[in-house]
């Protein structure tokens, strides 16, 4: 009929169960656990009063029954508080697990951030190298354009020289044609003169071979006086 009071070791175990973990980061859960501990301490004080009352004085059966009922109510309240503490501990563990998961995600995001930063640095280096290569290619293009402009000017000058040369060539060709024409005319005149010379030479040879030329040879050797010349 009388419900026995738990010994001090069991009470210490219950108190240890009700104590929140030392590394609990949430002040609200800590406040709830503190309130539960205060309620449990109050229940313990009432249990101690009842124990002292039972040991020091023999009361009536009605008082004992009332005390036992009160004790049973306090024990049920203690069980309820212990269950609530266990529930809070479970919530705390879940919260810490969620916090750990969040920390893992944060670490993963930081790793991704570091990888992205490295990739950005690499892309910046590639961009700088590309800009340098582009500047070098632009310099080559500018040099080629300068050479192209110089070649174009040289082509224009050569074309002008060619036109001048073609004009001079045409003039020389005209001169050559005129000289060829003069040559042809002179060749005709030379042939005619040669023909006439041949005729004259034949006539002269005929004269030299004639009898009259031979007869008159002494006369040709005779010299006239200067006054007859």
Protein backbone atom coordinates (compact mmCIF):
# COMPACT_ATOMS: atom_id res chain seq x y z
CA UNK A 1 0.00 0.00 0.00
CA UNK A 2 2.85 2.41 0.76
CA UNK A 3 4.89 3.38 -2.21
CA UNK A 4 8.57 3.34 -1.34
CA UNK A 5 10.79 6.39 -1.87
CA UNK A 6 13.68 5.90 -4.32
CA UNK A 7 17.13 5.88 -2.75
CA UNK A 8 19.66 8.64 -3.21
CA UNK A 9 21.61 6.82 -5.99
CA UNK A 10 18.46 6.46 -8.11
CA UNK A 11 17.56 10.08 -7.43
CA UNK A 12 21.06 11.12 -8.55
CA UNK A 13 20.61 9.07 -11.73
CA UNK A 14 17.29 10.80 -12.42
CA UNK A 15 18.88 14.20 -11.80
CA UNK A 16 21.70 13.29 -14.22
CA UNK A 17 19.07 12.27 -16.80
CA UNK A 18 17.26 15.56 -16.39
CA UNK A 19 20.43 17.67 -16.72
CA UNK A 20 20.85 19.13 -20.22
CA UNK A 21 24.12 18.58 -22.13
CA UNK A 22 26.85 21.08 -21.31
CA UNK A 23 27.45 21.96 -24.98
CA UNK A 24 23.78 22.80 -25.76
CA UNK A 25 23.87 25.88 -28.01
CA UNK A 26 20.19 26.82 -27.63
CA UNK A 27 19.27 29.10 -24.73
CA UNK A 28 15.54 28.41 -25.06
CA UNK A 29 15.93 24.66 -24.61
CA UNK A 30 18.26 25.34 -21.69
CA UNK A 31 15.59 27.51 -20.04
CA UNK A 32 12.99 24.73 -20.46
CA UNK A 33 15.32 22.15 -18.96
CA UNK A 34 16.08 24.51 -16.06
CA UNK A 35 12.35 24.96 -15.41
CA UNK A 36 11.87 21.18 -15.41
CA UNK A 37 14.75 20.78 -12.96
CA UNK A 38 13.17 23.33 -10.66
CA UNK A 39 9.86 21.45 -10.79
CA UNK A 40 11.66 18.19 -10.05
CA UNK A 41 13.50 19.77 -7.11
CA UNK A 42 10.19 21.01 -5.76
CA UNK A 43 8.77 17.49 -6.05
CA UNK A 44 11.78 16.12 -4.25
CA UNK A 45 11.31 18.58 -1.41
CA UNK A 46 7.70 17.54 -1.04
CA UNK A 47 8.72 13.89 -1.07
CA UNK A 48 11.28 14.61 1.65
CA UNK A 49 8.64 16.39 3.74
CA UNK A 50 6.32 13.44 3.36
CA UNK A 51 9.07 11.00 4.30
CA UNK A 52 9.97 12.98 7.37
CA UNK A 53 6.33 13.23 8.31
CA UNK A 54 5.89 9.47 7.94
CA UNK A 55 9.01 8.67 9.94
CA UNK A 56 8.49 11.19 12.76
CA UNK A 57 4.80 10.92 13.36
CA UNK A 58 2.20 8.24 12.92
CA UNK A 59 -0.70 9.93 11.30
CA UNK A 60 -4.14 8.76 10.60
CA UNK A 61 -4.94 6.47 7.75
CA UNK A 62 -6.69 9.25 5.85
CA UNK A 63 -3.62 11.49 6.04
CA UNK A 64 -1.40 8.64 4.86
CA UNK A 65 -3.72 7.88 1.98
CA UNK A 66 -3.76 11.55 1.00
CA UNK A 67 0.03 11.71 1.24
CA UNK A 68 0.40 8.56 -0.82
CA UNK A 69 -1.96 9.93 -3.42
CA UNK A 70 0.05 13.12 -3.45
CA UNK A 71 3.24 11.10 -3.74
CA UNK A 72 1.86 9.07 -6.63
CA UNK A 73 0.77 12.30 -8.36
CA UNK A 74 4.24 13.72 -7.88
CA UNK A 75 5.80 10.55 -9.24
CA UNK A 76 3.51 10.68 -12.30
CA UNK A 77 4.44 14.34 -12.73
CA UNK A 78 8.08 13.33 -12.42
CA UNK A 79 7.59 10.66 -15.12
CA UNK A 80 5.84 13.22 -17.32
CA UNK A 81 8.68 15.70 -16.77
CA UNK A 82 11.25 12.98 -17.53
CA UNK A 83 9.37 12.13 -20.74
CA UNK A 84 9.27 15.78 -21.70
CA UNK A 85 12.97 16.11 -20.95
CA UNK A 86 13.66 13.06 -23.15
CA UNK A 87 11.52 14.61 -25.88
CA UNK A 88 13.45 17.89 -25.59
CA UNK A 89 16.70 15.96 -25.70
CA UNK A 90 15.53 14.24 -28.90
CA UNK A 91 14.61 17.61 -30.40
CA UNK A 92 17.99 18.94 -29.32
CA UNK A 93 19.76 15.97 -30.94
CA UNK A 94 17.70 16.50 -34.13
CA UNK A 95 18.58 20.20 -34.06
CA UNK A 96 22.25 19.42 -33.60
CA UNK A 97 22.05 16.85 -36.43
CA UNK A 98 20.43 19.47 -38.64
CA UNK A 99 23.10 21.94 -37.60
CA UNK A 100 25.79 19.36 -38.44
CA UNK A 101 24.13 18.72 -41.81
CA UNK A 102 24.01 22.47 -42.39
CA UNK A 103 27.68 22.74 -41.49
CA UNK A 104 28.47 19.93 -43.95
CA UNK A 105 26.53 21.80 -46.63
CA UNK A 106 28.38 25.00 -45.73
CA UNK A 107 31.70 23.17 -45.99
CA UNK A 108 30.64 21.72 -49.35
CA UNK A 109 29.58 25.18 -50.56
CA UNK A 110 32.87 26.63 -49.36
CA UNK A 111 34.71 23.89 -51.26
CA UNK A 112 32.66 24.69 -54.38
CA UNK A 113 33.36 28.38 -53.83
CA UNK A 114 37.10 27.70 -53.60
CA UNK A 115 36.92 25.57 -56.77
CA UNK A 116 35.00 28.33 -58.56
CA UNK A 117 37.52 30.91 -57.36
CA UNK A 118 40.37 28.76 -58.70
CA UNK A 119 38.53 28.35 -61.99
CA UNK A 120 37.89 32.10 -62.18
CA UNK A 121 41.59 32.76 -61.54
CA UNK A 122 42.49 30.26 -64.25
CA UNK A 123 40.03 31.85 -66.68
CA UNK A 124 41.46 35.28 -65.86
CA UNK A 125 44.96 34.00 -66.63
CA UNK A 126 43.68 32.54 -69.89
CA UNK A 127 41.95 35.84 -70.68
CA UNK A 128 45.18 37.76 -70.04
CA UNK A 129 47.09 35.33 -72.27
CA UNK A 130 44.38 35.68 -74.93
CA UNK A 131 44.58 39.47 -74.73
CA UNK A 132 48.37 39.31 -75.11
CA UNK A 133 48.04 36.96 -78.10
CA UNK A 134 45.36 39.22 -79.60
CA UNK A 135 47.60 42.27 -79.16
CA UNK A 136 50.45 40.38 -80.84
CA UNK A 137 48.19 39.35 -83.73
CA UNK A 138 46.93 42.94 -84.02
CA UNK A 139 50.54 44.15 -84.21
CA UNK A 140 51.22 41.60 -86.96
CA UNK A 141 48.06 42.71 -88.78
CA UNK A 142 49.12 46.35 -88.52
CA UNK A 143 52.59 45.47 -89.84
CA UNK A 144 51.06 43.50 -92.74
CA UNK A 145 48.71 46.39 -93.50
CA UNK A 146 51.71 48.75 -93.57
CA UNK A 147 53.53 46.39 -95.92
CA UNK A 148 50.37 46.11 -98.03
CA UNK A 149 50.11 49.90 -98.26
CA UNK A 150 53.80 50.13 -99.24
CA UNK A 151 53.33 47.42 -101.88
CA UNK A 152 50.21 49.18 -103.20
CA UNK A 153 52.17 52.43 -103.53
CA UNK A 154 54.98 50.55 -105.25
CA UNK A 155 52.48 48.92 -107.61
CA UNK A 156 51.02 52.34 -108.45
CA UNK A 157 54.52 53.66 -109.13
CA UNK A 158 55.41 50.62 -111.23
CA UNK A 159 52.20 51.00 -113.21
CA UNK A 160 53.05 54.64 -113.83
CA UNK A 161 56.56 53.64 -114.90
CA UNK A 162 55.07 50.93 -117.12
CA UNK A 163 52.76 53.44 -118.77
CA UNK A 164 55.72 55.77 -119.32
CA UNK A 165 57.77 52.85 -120.62
CA UNK A 166 54.95 51.77 -122.91
CA UNK A 167 54.70 55.35 -124.23
CA UNK A 168 58.46 55.49 -124.80
CA UNK A 169 58.30 52.04 -126.39
CA UNK A 170 55.52 53.12 -128.72
CA UNK A 171 57.56 56.21 -129.64
CA UNK A 172 60.63 54.06 -130.26
CA UNK A 173 58.58 51.60 -132.26
CA UNK A 174 57.27 54.48 -134.37
CA UNK A 175 60.83 55.65 -134.85
CA UNK A 176 61.89 52.10 -135.77
CA UNK A 177 59.07 51.87 -138.29
CA UNK A 178 60.06 55.24 -139.77
CA UNK A 179 63.70 54.13 -139.91
CA UNK A 180 62.67 50.84 -141.48
CA UNK A 181 60.66 52.79 -144.03
CA UNK A 182 63.66 55.07 -144.69
CA UNK A 183 65.86 52.00 -144.86
CA UNK A 184 63.57 50.42 -147.41
CA UNK A 185 63.58 53.62 -149.46
CA UNK A 186 67.37 53.91 -149.16
CA UNK A 187 67.74 50.25 -150.07
CA UNK A 188 65.74 50.89 -153.23
CA UNK A 189 67.81 53.94 -154.03
CA UNK A 190 71.01 52.00 -153.26
CA UNK A 191 69.94 49.15 -155.56
CA UNK A 192 69.12 51.63 -158.32
CA UNK A 193 72.43 53.41 -157.84
CA UNK A 194 74.31 50.12 -157.81
CA UNK A 195 72.54 49.18 -161.01
CA UNK A 196 73.42 52.51 -162.56
CA UNK A 197 77.02 52.14 -161.26
CA UNK A 198 77.25 48.70 -162.82
CA UNK A 199 76.00 50.13 -166.12
CA UNK A 200 78.46 52.98 -165.87
CA UNK A 201 81.30 50.57 -165.05
CA UNK A 202 80.38 48.42 -168.04
CA UNK A 203 80.30 51.50 -170.22
CA UNK A 204 83.64 52.67 -168.81
CA UNK A 205 85.20 49.26 -169.40
CA UNK A 206 83.87 49.35 -172.94
CA UNK A 207 85.43 52.78 -173.36
CA UNK A 208 88.74 51.54 -171.94
CA UNK A 209 88.67 48.62 -174.34
CA UNK A 210 87.73 50.72 -177.37
CA UNK A 211 90.20 51.46 -180.14
CA UNK A 212 89.70 55.21 -179.83
CA UNK A 213 90.75 55.12 -176.20
CA UNK A 214 93.84 53.25 -177.12
CA UNK A 215 94.65 55.61 -180.02
CA UNK A 216 94.24 58.69 -177.91
CA UNK A 217 96.51 57.40 -175.10
CA UNK A 218 99.52 59.48 -176.31
CA UNK A 219 97.36 62.56 -176.32
CA UNK A 220 96.21 61.95 -172.75
CA UNK A 221 99.79 61.75 -171.65
CA UNK A 222 100.62 65.07 -173.29
CA UNK A 223 100.46 67.97 -170.91
CA UNK A 224 99.07 71.31 -172.04
CA UNK A 225 100.79 74.55 -171.10
CA UNK A 226 99.38 76.26 -168.02
CA UNK A 227 97.97 79.14 -170.02
CA UNK A 228 95.73 76.71 -172.03
CA UNK A 229 94.21 75.17 -169.03
